[in-house]
Amino acid sequence: MRRKLFLLFFLSNLNYGFSQSANSSISQISESFVERLEVKSGVLSNSFHTNIKPFTRQQIGDFLAAIDSVTFKKLSKTDKRNFEYLQVDNWEYLHTKDSVKNLSKKPIFRHLYKNKSDMYFVKSDDFDIHVSPVLNIGFGSNSAHGNLKSKSTFINSRGIEIRGNINKKLGFYTMVTDNQGSSPNFMVNFYKIYLGYPYQSLVKVKNDDYNLLQGDYFTAIGYFAFKPIKNLTVAFGHDKNFVGSGIRSMVLSDFSAPYLQLKTDLRIGKLQYLSILGQMTNLQVVNPPFSQITNAPKYMAFHHLNINLTKTLNIGLFESVMYGPRKTGFELNYLNPVIFYRFVEGYLGSSDNAMVGADFKVNLFKTFTAYGQYFLDEYNSKEFKKDGWWSKKYAWQMGAKYFDVFKIKNLDFHYELNRARPYMYSHFTDYTNYVNYNLPMAHPLGANFKENIVSVKYQPHAKVFLSFVAMSALKGEDKDSSNYGGNIKLNNRIGRISDYDNYIGQGFENRIKNTEVVASVMIKHNLFADLMYQRRKDTYFEAETESIFSFGLRWNMVRKQLLF
């Protein structure tokens, strides 16, 4: 009773001056705009750090306000339009709203689309609500792949997005969609191995035809946020996170399903401290048929401390622990946001899966960005020196971006290397592996792989986006019922081939080449026409190349890449 009274007192006494906002979606377009502007400014932003996503809309508004007139004048014409796009998209948190060109020339029925970014909004001293439709419709074709026949493809998603705040104290966000869609043939094979549908949670397969894999699924993201003090944001609800500056994250990505989380984000000057307590879903525990037992929960605790060490260099340290439910209930020790998990793990005498790592990002000459991540799962000073010790588990990433290649405005080049040792992210229980809803929580390939990615983006006009992404990977797959360390769902103490002489790519050497070309046109604000061609080949079917073509319309919805 005393705790409930304290919580009620705490919430009722939040300072009215500490405004908050909903997040901007994890979006390739918004993120690339923000990143380009930061690089062009020559100074890392202190309002938010771009290697922690999603950003809040208020952070984007503060960032735009911090760009000085000298930097703005040097921007290309397209970058200035991109700046205007970000202003329109986050208009309620701008410092100079009068300069934003957001009013619609012809509102619908006087109240709908009074501005470009919201179908409907109400803004007063007491509350602020923004409502917009969500739509993604498309069709295409998919060539044969192995024993899977060629087929027509489609996507049909409809929904709504609502965001806002109450009394400038309590922010909220929700997006719900109803979806039906087909799956590329290579994803059919992925689904049969992992029993997970990328980016989603529960997916009903039409007629239980797993070779066709037409899915019917409902998606929902929703949370509320508030600021108990000026520099601290607290959010609670179902959402995703992405940690890193690259195409992939070796730490925490949005590839798996949304999960329940309590997230605190503390920012003091150049320093940011992020803490995430997440409840994941363990589908590896199979419930009896027709039972009333719900899916088994598993938990993650994550800390990330980073600082803008100089105007152009950001460095960070992070730690993560995966653990299952206790007989005594939830593990309260992990609620401490300022303690090392390795200490807690040893203090408890637990068998939880704790990992540590570091990352960096540096911007150079207002043109280049270099970044990297290192994630360590196990360390034993004696065994680590031995060749191929099975528990020598780590993953790393290195990448570089070159903006305005050869001084061609808005032509950007990106190269990335990703490596993960065998058995990385795995553990000896399904409650402690780095898996949520049967999907890897970091890289889509799991472990035991080498990957190179090249990306080229060109924006010849403010409303035209062209991109080319080529992925080449060597993935060690399991064979002969042995565990070669690639499938992170497997118990790494069962079926392991050897304690030593393990190497990346062991097992069946699956060489994957996956290329995607996309042309998008923004017809109206956040309404895109997308034309996509994807070409994929792997070692399972060396004589065949899978080709995928699609065309569609996307409104207030992020396009997800299937590059694995």
Protein backbone atom coordinates (compact mmCIF):
# COMPACT_ATOMS: atom_id res chain seq x y z
CA MET A 1 0.00 0.00 0.00
CA ARG A 2 2.84 2.36 0.85
CA ARG A 3 4.45 1.73 -2.56
CA LYS A 4 1.19 2.51 -4.37
CA LEU A 5 0.80 5.79 -2.48
CA PHE A 6 4.38 6.74 -3.28
CA LEU A 7 3.86 6.01 -7.00
CA LEU A 8 0.64 8.05 -7.04
CA PHE A 9 2.40 10.96 -5.32
CA PHE A 10 5.31 10.70 -7.74
CA LEU A 11 3.15 10.77 -10.88
CA SER A 12 0.94 13.57 -9.60
CA ASN A 13 3.90 15.83 -8.91
CA LEU A 14 5.64 15.70 -12.26
CA ASN A 15 6.85 19.11 -13.30
CA TYR A 16 4.70 20.68 -16.00
CA GLY A 17 7.77 22.14 -17.72
CA PHE A 18 9.24 18.74 -18.53
CA SER A 19 7.53 18.08 -21.85
CA GLN A 20 7.94 14.78 -23.63
CA SER A 21 7.03 13.23 -26.96
CA ALA A 22 6.40 10.01 -28.83
CA ASN A 23 9.17 8.41 -30.85
CA SER A 24 9.67 8.78 -34.54
CA SER A 25 9.47 5.35 -36.21
CA ILE A 26 12.70 3.46 -36.95
CA SER A 27 12.78 4.70 -40.54
CA GLN A 28 15.52 4.62 -43.15
CA ILE A 29 14.50 7.96 -44.62
CA SER A 30 14.19 10.04 -41.43
CA GLU A 31 17.34 8.52 -39.96
CA SER A 32 19.40 9.15 -43.10
CA PHE A 33 18.19 12.77 -43.22
CA VAL A 34 19.18 13.35 -39.59
CA GLU A 35 22.52 11.61 -40.02
CA ARG A 36 23.43 13.63 -43.12
CA LEU A 37 22.55 16.89 -41.38
CA GLU A 38 24.66 15.96 -38.36
CA VAL A 39 27.67 15.08 -40.51
CA LYS A 40 27.29 18.28 -42.54
CA SER A 41 27.14 20.36 -39.37
CA GLY A 42 30.54 19.02 -38.29
CA VAL A 43 29.38 18.57 -34.67
CA LEU A 44 27.81 15.56 -32.95
CA SER A 45 24.39 16.31 -31.52
CA ASN A 46 23.97 16.43 -27.74
CA SER A 47 20.16 16.48 -27.93
CA PHE A 48 20.33 12.80 -28.92
CA HIS A 49 22.91 10.29 -30.08
CA THR A 50 22.22 8.86 -33.51
CA ASN A 51 23.42 5.34 -32.62
CA ILE A 52 20.40 4.86 -30.31
CA LYS A 53 17.10 4.47 -32.13
CA PRO A 54 14.26 5.35 -32.26
CA PHE A 55 14.62 9.10 -31.75
CA THR A 56 11.90 11.08 -30.03
CA ARG A 57 10.19 13.79 -32.02
CA GLN A 58 11.18 16.37 -29.46
CA GLN A 59 14.85 15.39 -29.87
CA ILE A 60 14.56 15.88 -33.62
CA GLY A 61 12.98 19.29 -33.05
CA ASP A 62 15.81 20.30 -30.71
CA PHE A 63 18.37 19.02 -33.21
CA LEU A 64 16.88 21.05 -36.07
CA ALA A 65 16.87 24.17 -33.90
CA ALA A 66 20.58 23.71 -33.15
CA ILE A 67 21.63 23.83 -36.83
CA ASP A 68 23.03 27.30 -37.39
CA SER A 69 22.36 29.53 -40.40
CA VAL A 70 25.92 29.12 -41.74
CA THR A 71 25.56 25.34 -41.93
CA PHE A 72 22.07 25.63 -43.40
CA LYS A 73 23.23 27.91 -46.23
CA LYS A 74 25.89 25.38 -47.26
CA LEU A 75 23.37 22.56 -47.58
CA SER A 76 22.33 21.34 -51.01
CA LYS A 77 18.89 22.25 -52.31
CA THR A 78 17.73 18.68 -51.66
CA ASP A 79 19.10 18.70 -48.11
CA LYS A 80 17.20 21.90 -47.42
CA ARG A 81 14.03 20.17 -48.59
CA ASN A 82 14.89 17.21 -46.36
CA PHE A 83 15.28 19.67 -43.48
CA GLU A 84 11.82 20.98 -44.30
CA TYR A 85 10.46 17.41 -44.39
CA LEU A 86 11.72 16.80 -40.84
CA GLN A 87 10.16 20.07 -39.72
CA VAL A 88 6.79 19.11 -41.17
CA ASP A 89 6.97 15.59 -39.77
CA ASN A 90 7.75 16.83 -36.24
CA TRP A 91 6.10 20.25 -36.39
CA GLU A 92 4.60 20.24 -32.89
CA TYR A 93 8.08 20.20 -31.31
CA LEU A 94 9.71 22.90 -33.40
CA HIS A 95 11.02 26.09 -31.83
CA THR A 96 9.92 28.32 -34.75
CA LYS A 97 6.58 26.94 -35.93
CA ASP A 98 5.70 30.02 -38.02
CA SER A 99 8.41 29.17 -40.58
CA VAL A 100 7.18 25.63 -41.23
CA LYS A 101 5.36 25.18 -44.53
CA ASN A 102 2.88 22.67 -43.18
CA LEU A 103 -0.55 24.09 -43.95
CA SER A 104 -2.60 22.30 -46.59
CA LYS A 105 -4.03 24.36 -49.43
CA LYS A 106 -7.28 22.39 -49.53
CA PRO A 107 -8.31 20.68 -46.25
CA ILE A 108 -10.84 17.84 -46.61
CA PHE A 109 -14.20 18.66 -45.02
CA ARG A 110 -12.46 21.57 -43.28
CA HIS A 111 -11.09 19.37 -40.48
CA LEU A 112 -9.13 16.62 -42.25
CA TYR A 113 -5.60 17.30 -43.46
CA LYS A 114 -5.49 20.88 -42.29
CA ASN A 115 -1.76 20.32 -42.46
CA LYS A 116 0.40 17.98 -44.56
CA SER A 117 1.53 15.56 -41.89
CA ASP A 118 -1.67 14.71 -39.98
CA MET A 119 -5.03 13.46 -41.19
CA TYR A 120 -6.54 14.95 -38.04
CA PHE A 121 -5.09 16.81 -35.08
CA VAL A 122 -6.30 18.70 -32.04
CA LYS A 123 -3.92 20.93 -30.15
CA SER A 124 -4.80 22.82 -26.98
CA ASP A 125 -3.28 23.68 -23.62
CA ASP A 126 -4.61 20.43 -22.13
CA PHE A 127 -3.85 17.87 -24.82
CA ASP A 128 -2.33 17.30 -28.24
CA ILE A 129 -3.53 14.46 -30.50
CA HIS A 130 -2.40 13.48 -34.00
CA VAL A 131 -4.17 10.78 -36.04
CA SER A 132 -3.01 9.40 -39.39
CA PRO A 133 -3.86 6.38 -41.55
CA VAL A 134 -1.35 3.59 -42.17
CA LEU A 135 -1.37 1.75 -45.48
CA ASN A 136 0.91 -0.60 -47.39
CA ILE A 137 -0.42 -2.30 -50.51
CA GLY A 138 1.62 -3.96 -53.22
CA PHE A 139 1.93 -6.83 -55.65
CA GLY A 140 4.67 -8.57 -57.59
CA SER A 141 6.24 -11.85 -58.65
CA ASN A 142 8.69 -14.35 -57.20
CA SER A 143 10.67 -16.87 -59.25
CA ALA A 144 11.11 -20.53 -58.28
CA HIS A 145 13.66 -21.50 -55.66
CA GLY A 146 14.60 -25.14 -55.14
CA ASN A 147 11.40 -27.18 -54.78
CA LEU A 148 9.33 -24.00 -54.29
CA LYS A 149 7.43 -22.86 -57.36
CA SER A 150 7.24 -19.37 -58.84
CA LYS A 151 4.32 -17.33 -57.54
CA SER A 152 2.64 -13.96 -57.35
CA THR A 153 3.36 -11.87 -54.28
CA PHE A 154 1.28 -9.30 -52.42
CA ILE A 155 1.06 -7.21 -49.26
CA ASN A 156 -2.07 -5.62 -47.83
CA SER A 157 -1.71 -3.66 -44.59
CA ARG A 158 -4.22 -1.18 -43.17
CA GLY A 159 -4.18 0.58 -39.87
CA ILE A 160 -3.99 3.75 -37.85
CA GLU A 161 -1.35 5.73 -35.97
CA ILE A 162 -2.22 7.91 -32.97
CA ARG A 163 0.21 9.98 -30.95
CA GLY A 164 0.08 12.94 -28.61
CA ASN A 165 0.42 14.12 -25.05
CA ILE A 166 -1.75 15.18 -22.12
CA ASN A 167 -0.95 18.38 -20.23
CA LYS A 168 2.56 18.24 -21.71
CA LYS A 169 3.29 15.62 -19.05
CA LEU A 170 2.23 12.24 -20.35
CA GLY A 171 2.99 11.27 -23.94
CA PHE A 172 1.47 8.33 -25.75
CA TYR A 173 1.78 6.49 -29.05
CA THR A 174 0.01 3.60 -30.73
CA MET A 175 0.08 2.08 -34.20
CA VAL A 176 -2.09 -0.91 -35.10
CA THR A 177 -2.31 -2.65 -38.46
CA ASP A 178 -4.10 -5.65 -39.91
CA ASN A 179 -1.94 -7.41 -42.47
CA GLN A 180 -2.10 -10.12 -45.11
CA GLY A 181 0.89 -10.93 -47.24
CA SER A 182 2.94 -13.50 -49.09
CA SER A 183 6.55 -14.42 -48.38
CA PRO A 184 9.60 -14.71 -50.65
CA ASN A 185 10.65 -18.30 -51.26
CA PHE A 186 13.96 -17.85 -49.42
CA MET A 187 12.01 -16.70 -46.37
CA VAL A 188 10.00 -19.92 -46.49
CA ASN A 189 13.21 -21.85 -45.88
CA PHE A 190 14.19 -19.42 -43.11
CA TYR A 191 10.79 -19.89 -41.43
CA LYS A 192 11.08 -23.67 -41.50
CA ILE A 193 14.37 -23.46 -39.57
CA TYR A 194 13.53 -20.75 -37.04
CA LEU A 195 9.70 -20.92 -36.92
CA GLY A 196 9.74 -17.13 -36.75
CA TYR A 197 8.46 -14.41 -39.08
CA PRO A 198 10.88 -11.44 -39.40
CA TYR A 199 9.81 -8.25 -37.58
CA GLN A 200 6.52 -9.83 -36.43
CA SER A 201 5.10 -11.87 -33.56
CA LEU A 202 2.12 -14.20 -34.10
CA VAL A 203 1.54 -14.98 -37.80
CA LYS A 204 -1.26 -17.30 -38.92
CA VAL A 205 -0.25 -19.26 -42.02
CA LYS A 206 -3.07 -19.59 -44.53
CA ASN A 207 -4.34 -23.20 -44.82
CA ASP A 208 -1.21 -24.30 -42.91
CA ASP A 209 0.60 -24.25 -46.26
CA TYR A 210 4.19 -23.58 -45.14
CA ASN A 211 5.54 -23.85 -48.69
CA LEU A 212 3.42 -20.92 -49.79
CA LEU A 213 3.67 -19.13 -46.41
CA GLN A 214 0.93 -16.57 -46.85
CA GLY A 215 0.61 -14.83 -43.52
CA ASP A 216 -2.27 -13.14 -41.74
CA TYR A 217 -1.11 -11.11 -38.76
CA PHE A 218 -1.97 -8.21 -36.52
CA THR A 219 0.72 -5.77 -35.37
CA ALA A 220 0.56 -3.28 -32.55
CA ILE A 221 3.05 -0.90 -30.96
CA GLY A 222 1.98 1.21 -28.02
CA TYR A 223 3.56 2.97 -25.06
CA PHE A 224 3.42 6.01 -22.85
CA ALA A 225 6.30 8.29 -21.84
CA PHE A 226 6.94 10.98 -19.25
CA LYS A 227 9.78 13.03 -17.78
CA PRO A 228 10.03 12.88 -13.99
CA ILE A 229 12.98 15.30 -14.17
CA LYS A 230 14.30 17.51 -16.97
CA ASN A 231 17.02 15.18 -18.26
CA LEU A 232 15.29 11.82 -17.77
CA THR A 233 12.72 10.21 -20.07
CA VAL A 234 10.83 7.11 -18.95
CA ALA A 235 8.80 5.02 -21.42
CA PHE A 236 6.72 1.91 -20.81
CA GLY A 237 4.94 -0.25 -23.36
CA HIS A 238 5.54 -2.43 -26.42
CA ASP A 239 8.15 -1.16 -28.85
CA LYS A 240 11.44 -1.99 -30.56
CA ASN A 241 14.98 -0.62 -30.31
CA PHE A 242 18.02 -0.44 -32.55
CA VAL A 243 21.52 0.12 -31.15
CA GLY A 244 24.18 1.07 -33.68
CA SER A 245 25.05 3.25 -36.65
CA GLY A 246 24.98 0.57 -39.32
CA ILE A 247 22.60 -1.35 -41.54
CA ARG A 248 22.90 -4.21 -39.04
CA SER A 249 23.26 -4.20 -35.28
CA MET A 250 25.37 -6.82 -33.54
CA VAL A 251 23.91 -5.68 -30.21
CA LEU A 252 20.15 -5.10 -30.43
CA SER A 253 18.05 -4.69 -33.58
CA ASP A 254 14.40 -4.45 -34.65
CA PHE A 255 14.45 -7.81 -36.49
CA SER A 256 12.42 -9.67 -33.85
CA ALA A 257 8.91 -8.93 -32.52
CA PRO A 258 8.00 -5.87 -30.40
CA TYR A 259 8.36 -6.56 -26.69
CA LEU A 260 7.16 -5.13 -23.40
CA GLN A 261 9.79 -2.78 -22.01
CA LEU A 262 10.54 -0.20 -19.37
CA LYS A 263 13.07 2.19 -20.89
CA THR A 264 14.86 5.04 -19.14
CA ASP A 265 16.98 7.52 -21.08
CA LEU A 266 19.16 9.89 -19.06
CA ARG A 267 20.96 12.72 -20.85
CA ILE A 268 23.40 15.04 -19.08
CA GLY A 269 25.37 17.31 -21.38
CA LYS A 270 27.39 15.13 -23.74
CA LEU A 271 26.52 11.92 -21.89
CA GLN A 272 23.65 9.52 -22.49
CA TYR A 273 22.72 6.55 -20.30
CA LEU A 274 20.12 4.13 -21.63
CA SER A 275 18.54 1.35 -19.59
CA ILE A 276 16.06 -1.19 -21.00
CA LEU A 277 14.20 -3.85 -19.03
CA GLY A 278 12.41 -6.06 -21.53
CA GLN A 279 10.07 -9.02 -21.35
CA MET A 280 10.58 -11.27 -24.35
CA THR A 281 8.65 -14.36 -25.46
CA ASN A 282 10.11 -17.87 -25.35
CA LEU A 283 8.35 -19.94 -28.01
CA GLN A 284 10.84 -22.78 -27.58
CA VAL A 285 8.76 -23.87 -24.59
CA VAL A 286 5.88 -25.74 -26.23
CA ASN A 287 2.54 -25.51 -24.45
CA PRO A 288 0.16 -28.50 -24.36
CA PRO A 289 -2.60 -28.36 -27.01
CA PHE A 290 -5.85 -26.65 -25.98
CA SER A 291 -4.33 -25.52 -22.67
CA GLN A 292 -4.84 -22.14 -21.01
CA ILE A 293 -1.11 -21.70 -20.48
CA THR A 294 0.28 -18.52 -22.04
CA ASN A 295 3.60 -18.29 -23.89
CA ALA A 296 6.59 -18.48 -21.54
CA PRO A 297 8.26 -15.14 -20.76
CA LYS A 298 12.00 -14.48 -20.73
CA TYR A 299 13.74 -11.27 -19.76
CA MET A 300 16.45 -8.90 -20.93
CA ALA A 301 18.22 -6.14 -19.04
CA PHE A 302 20.38 -3.77 -21.09
CA HIS A 303 22.57 -0.76 -20.25
CA HIS A 304 24.31 1.55 -22.69
CA LEU A 305 26.52 4.45 -21.60
CA ASN A 306 27.96 6.68 -24.30
CA ILE A 307 29.49 10.11 -24.49
CA ASN A 308 30.45 12.63 -27.17
CA LEU A 309 34.11 12.66 -26.19
CA THR A 310 34.89 15.36 -28.73
CA LYS A 311 32.84 17.31 -31.25
CA THR A 312 33.22 14.44 -33.72
CA LEU A 313 33.89 11.29 -31.64
CA ASN A 314 31.34 9.26 -29.69
CA ILE A 315 32.32 6.19 -27.65
CA GLY A 316 30.15 3.87 -25.60
CA LEU A 317 30.08 0.86 -23.29
CA PHE A 318 27.18 -1.54 -22.96
CA GLU A 319 26.11 -4.72 -21.20
CA SER A 320 23.20 -7.07 -21.56
CA VAL A 321 21.85 -10.07 -19.68
CA MET A 322 19.23 -12.63 -20.70
CA TYR A 323 17.50 -14.61 -17.98
CA GLY A 324 14.45 -16.69 -17.29
CA PRO A 325 11.76 -16.53 -14.62
CA ARG A 326 12.79 -17.34 -11.04
CA LYS A 327 10.97 -19.62 -8.63
CA THR A 328 10.85 -16.61 -6.33
CA GLY A 329 9.44 -14.38 -9.08
CA PHE A 330 11.01 -11.60 -11.18
CA GLU A 331 14.71 -10.96 -10.48
CA LEU A 332 14.68 -7.61 -8.67
CA ASN A 333 18.49 -7.26 -8.69
CA TYR A 334 18.45 -6.41 -12.41
CA LEU A 335 16.22 -3.41 -11.73
CA ASN A 336 19.28 -1.54 -10.50
CA PRO A 337 20.18 0.63 -13.51
CA VAL A 338 23.70 1.55 -12.35
CA ILE A 339 25.43 -1.75 -11.64
CA PHE A 340 27.43 -4.24 -13.67
CA TYR A 341 25.39 -7.33 -14.57
CA ARG A 342 28.44 -9.58 -14.29
CA PHE A 343 28.61 -8.66 -10.61
CA VAL A 344 24.91 -9.40 -10.12
CA GLU A 345 25.22 -12.70 -11.96
CA GLY A 346 28.06 -13.83 -9.71
CA TYR A 347 26.38 -12.40 -6.61
CA LEU A 348 23.27 -14.47 -7.30
CA GLY A 349 25.21 -17.56 -8.30
CA SER A 350 23.03 -17.63 -11.42
CA SER A 351 23.55 -19.16 -14.85
CA ASP A 352 22.22 -16.12 -16.71
CA ASN A 353 23.73 -15.08 -20.03
CA ALA A 354 25.59 -11.81 -19.47
CA MET A 355 27.45 -10.01 -22.29
CA VAL A 356 29.50 -6.83 -22.50
CA GLY A 357 30.79 -4.64 -25.31
CA ALA A 358 31.84 -1.28 -26.68
CA ASP A 359 31.05 0.89 -29.69
CA PHE A 360 32.24 4.09 -31.35
CA LYS A 361 31.35 6.55 -34.07
CA VAL A 362 33.47 9.33 -35.53
CA ASN A 363 32.54 11.98 -38.12
CA LEU A 364 35.34 13.39 -40.27
CA PHE A 365 35.68 16.39 -42.61
CA LYS A 366 31.88 16.89 -42.77
CA THR A 367 31.88 14.04 -45.30
CA PHE A 368 32.82 10.72 -43.64
CA THR A 369 31.54 8.57 -40.79
CA ALA A 370 33.31 5.53 -39.35
CA TYR A 371 31.73 3.31 -36.71
CA GLY A 372 32.07 -0.04 -34.99
CA GLN A 373 30.75 -2.46 -32.35
CA TYR A 374 32.32 -5.27 -30.33
CA PHE A 375 30.14 -7.67 -28.33
CA LEU A 376 31.74 -10.26 -26.02
CA ASP A 377 29.70 -13.24 -24.80
CA GLU A 378 32.31 -15.31 -22.93
CA TYR A 379 35.85 -14.71 -21.68
CA ASN A 380 38.36 -17.03 -20.04
CA SER A 381 41.94 -15.73 -20.12
CA LYS A 382 43.44 -19.22 -20.29
CA GLU A 383 41.08 -20.75 -22.85
CA PHE A 384 40.81 -17.63 -24.98
CA LYS A 385 44.40 -18.09 -26.14
CA LYS A 386 43.71 -21.58 -27.46
CA ASP A 387 42.90 -22.03 -31.12
CA GLY A 388 39.17 -22.15 -31.84
CA TRP A 389 37.90 -22.62 -28.28
CA TRP A 390 34.16 -23.15 -28.68
CA SER A 391 33.26 -20.55 -26.05
CA LYS A 392 35.44 -17.89 -27.64
CA LYS A 393 32.20 -16.14 -28.46
CA TYR A 394 32.22 -12.61 -29.80
CA ALA A 395 30.82 -10.52 -32.63
CA TRP A 396 32.03 -7.31 -34.20
CA GLN A 397 31.14 -4.73 -36.80
CA MET A 398 33.09 -2.10 -38.72
CA GLY A 399 31.61 0.35 -41.18
CA ALA A 400 32.19 3.58 -43.06
CA LYS A 401 29.96 6.07 -44.83
CA TYR A 402 30.99 8.57 -47.48
CA PHE A 403 28.53 11.39 -48.10
CA ASP A 404 28.38 13.32 -51.40
CA VAL A 405 30.68 10.89 -53.19
CA PHE A 406 33.13 12.68 -55.50
CA LYS A 407 31.25 15.89 -54.59
CA ILE A 408 28.08 14.61 -56.25
CA LYS A 409 25.37 16.07 -54.03
CA ASN A 410 23.21 13.55 -52.14
CA LEU A 411 25.08 10.51 -53.46
CA ASP A 412 26.09 8.43 -50.44
CA PHE A 413 28.22 5.27 -50.21
CA HIS A 414 28.18 2.85 -47.28
CA TYR A 415 30.36 -0.22 -46.61
CA GLU A 416 29.96 -2.56 -43.63
CA LEU A 417 31.66 -5.69 -42.28
CA ASN A 418 29.94 -7.99 -39.77
CA ARG A 419 31.43 -11.04 -38.08
CA ALA A 420 30.02 -13.46 -35.46
CA ARG A 421 31.88 -16.49 -34.09
CA PRO A 422 30.19 -19.91 -33.81
CA TYR A 423 27.89 -20.27 -30.78
CA MET A 424 27.75 -16.49 -30.23
CA TYR A 425 24.39 -15.40 -28.70
CA SER A 426 23.52 -19.03 -27.84
CA HIS A 427 23.38 -20.53 -24.35
CA PHE A 428 22.51 -23.78 -22.61
CA THR A 429 18.85 -22.88 -21.99
CA ASP A 430 16.22 -21.38 -24.26
CA TYR A 431 15.48 -18.79 -21.57
CA THR A 432 18.96 -17.28 -21.82
CA ASN A 433 19.78 -17.34 -25.55
CA TYR A 434 19.59 -14.06 -27.49
CA VAL A 435 16.27 -14.94 -29.10
CA ASN A 436 12.83 -13.32 -28.95
CA TYR A 437 9.76 -14.96 -30.49
CA ASN A 438 12.03 -17.49 -32.25
CA LEU A 439 14.03 -14.72 -33.98
CA PRO A 440 17.56 -13.40 -33.38
CA MET A 441 17.53 -10.16 -31.39
CA ALA A 442 20.65 -8.85 -33.11
CA HIS A 443 21.77 -9.92 -36.61
CA PRO A 444 19.28 -11.88 -38.80
CA LEU A 445 21.95 -14.51 -39.60
CA GLY A 446 22.39 -15.39 -35.94
CA ALA A 447 26.00 -16.59 -35.52
CA ASN A 448 28.83 -18.37 -37.34
CA PHE A 449 28.97 -15.98 -40.30
CA LYS A 450 31.00 -13.39 -42.18
CA GLU A 451 29.14 -10.65 -44.02
CA ASN A 452 30.00 -7.73 -46.30
CA ILE A 453 27.41 -5.10 -47.25
CA VAL A 454 27.64 -2.32 -49.82
CA SER A 455 24.95 0.34 -50.00
CA VAL A 456 24.60 3.25 -52.43
CA LYS A 457 21.88 5.87 -52.00
CA TYR A 458 21.11 8.71 -54.36
CA GLN A 459 18.51 11.41 -54.00
CA PRO A 460 18.47 13.30 -57.32
CA HIS A 461 15.37 15.20 -56.24
CA ALA A 462 13.79 15.92 -52.88
CA LYS A 463 11.01 13.44 -53.63
CA VAL A 464 12.98 10.73 -55.45
CA PHE A 465 14.99 8.08 -53.58
CA LEU A 466 17.19 5.52 -55.30
CA SER A 467 19.06 2.80 -53.42
CA PHE A 468 21.22 -0.22 -54.17
CA VAL A 469 22.22 -2.71 -51.45
CA ALA A 470 24.38 -5.78 -52.02
CA MET A 471 25.00 -8.33 -49.29
CA SER A 472 27.53 -11.16 -49.49
CA ALA A 473 27.82 -13.63 -46.62
CA LEU A 474 29.38 -16.94 -45.64
CA LYS A 475 27.10 -18.66 -43.14
CA GLY A 476 28.01 -21.93 -41.43
CA GLU A 477 24.84 -24.03 -41.30
CA ASP A 478 24.23 -27.15 -39.23
CA LYS A 479 24.49 -30.55 -40.92
CA ASP A 480 24.27 -34.23 -39.97
CA SER A 481 22.25 -33.34 -36.84
CA SER A 482 25.33 -31.67 -35.36
CA ASN A 483 25.45 -28.22 -33.79
CA TYR A 484 28.03 -26.15 -35.69
CA GLY A 485 27.13 -22.93 -33.87
CA GLY A 486 25.00 -21.11 -36.44
CA ASN A 487 21.49 -21.63 -35.05
CA ILE A 488 21.47 -19.62 -31.82
CA LYS A 489 18.28 -21.35 -30.65
CA LEU A 490 20.17 -24.60 -30.07
CA ASN A 491 21.62 -25.61 -26.71
CA ASN A 492 25.36 -25.03 -27.13
CA ARG A 493 26.21 -27.91 -24.80
CA ILE A 494 24.40 -30.52 -26.90
CA GLY A 495 25.60 -31.78 -30.29
CA ARG A 496 28.65 -29.49 -30.33
CA ILE A 497 31.21 -30.86 -32.76
CA SER A 498 34.37 -29.96 -30.82
CA ASP A 499 35.67 -27.92 -27.90
CA TYR A 500 38.52 -26.55 -30.03
CA ASP A 501 39.40 -25.78 -33.65
CA ASN A 502 36.07 -24.03 -34.26
CA TYR A 503 36.03 -21.38 -36.98
CA ILE A 504 33.59 -19.07 -38.75
CA GLY A 505 31.83 -20.88 -41.57
CA GLN A 506 32.19 -24.39 -40.16
CA GLY A 507 29.48 -26.87 -41.07
CA PHE A 508 27.74 -26.52 -44.41
CA GLU A 509 29.22 -23.43 -46.08
CA ASN A 510 26.23 -21.47 -47.29
CA ARG A 511 27.38 -18.58 -49.46
CA ILE A 512 24.60 -16.02 -49.77
CA LYS A 513 24.43 -13.19 -52.26
CA ASN A 514 21.46 -10.87 -51.92
CA THR A 515 20.99 -7.69 -53.94
CA GLU A 516 18.17 -5.16 -53.72
CA VAL A 517 17.42 -2.16 -55.95
CA VAL A 518 14.68 0.25 -54.89
CA ALA A 519 13.23 3.39 -56.46
CA SER A 520 10.78 5.40 -54.34
CA VAL A 521 8.85 8.56 -55.11
CA MET A 522 7.20 10.62 -52.38
CA ILE A 523 3.84 11.59 -53.90
CA LYS A 524 2.68 13.48 -50.83
CA HIS A 525 4.07 13.74 -47.32
CA ASN A 526 4.91 10.16 -46.22
CA LEU A 527 3.02 8.66 -49.18
CA PHE A 528 5.49 6.65 -51.28
CA ALA A 529 5.33 4.68 -54.50
CA ASP A 530 7.95 1.91 -54.31
CA LEU A 531 9.44 -0.15 -57.12
CA MET A 532 11.72 -2.98 -55.93
CA TYR A 533 13.80 -5.69 -57.55
CA GLN A 534 15.64 -8.27 -55.43
CA ARG A 535 17.99 -10.99 -56.59
CA ARG A 536 19.20 -13.71 -54.25
CA LYS A 537 21.40 -16.78 -54.56
CA ASP A 538 22.74 -19.29 -52.03
CA THR A 539 24.80 -22.49 -51.96
CA TYR A 540 21.80 -24.73 -51.32
CA PHE A 541 20.71 -24.14 -54.92
CA GLU A 542 23.85 -23.01 -56.75
CA ALA A 543 22.30 -23.38 -60.18
CA GLU A 544 19.34 -21.13 -59.36
CA THR A 545 18.89 -17.44 -58.69
CA GLU A 546 15.74 -16.21 -57.01
CA SER A 547 14.27 -13.02 -58.48
CA ILE A 548 11.65 -10.91 -56.73
CA PHE A 549 9.85 -7.93 -58.22
CA SER A 550 7.28 -5.75 -56.49
CA PHE A 551 5.43 -2.47 -56.83
CA GLY A 552 3.36 -0.80 -54.14
CA LEU A 553 2.07 2.23 -52.28
CA ARG A 554 3.14 2.92 -48.71
CA TRP A 555 1.58 5.57 -46.47
CA ASN A 556 2.98 6.44 -43.03
CA MET A 557 4.65 3.04 -42.91
CA VAL A 558 8.29 1.97 -42.89
CA ARG A 559 9.53 -0.39 -45.60
CA LYS A 560 11.30 -3.41 -44.10
CA GLN A 561 14.26 -4.96 -45.88
CA LEU A 562 14.57 -8.74 -46.16
CA LEU A 563 18.33 -9.02 -46.63
CA PHE A 564 19.45 -12.35 -45.21
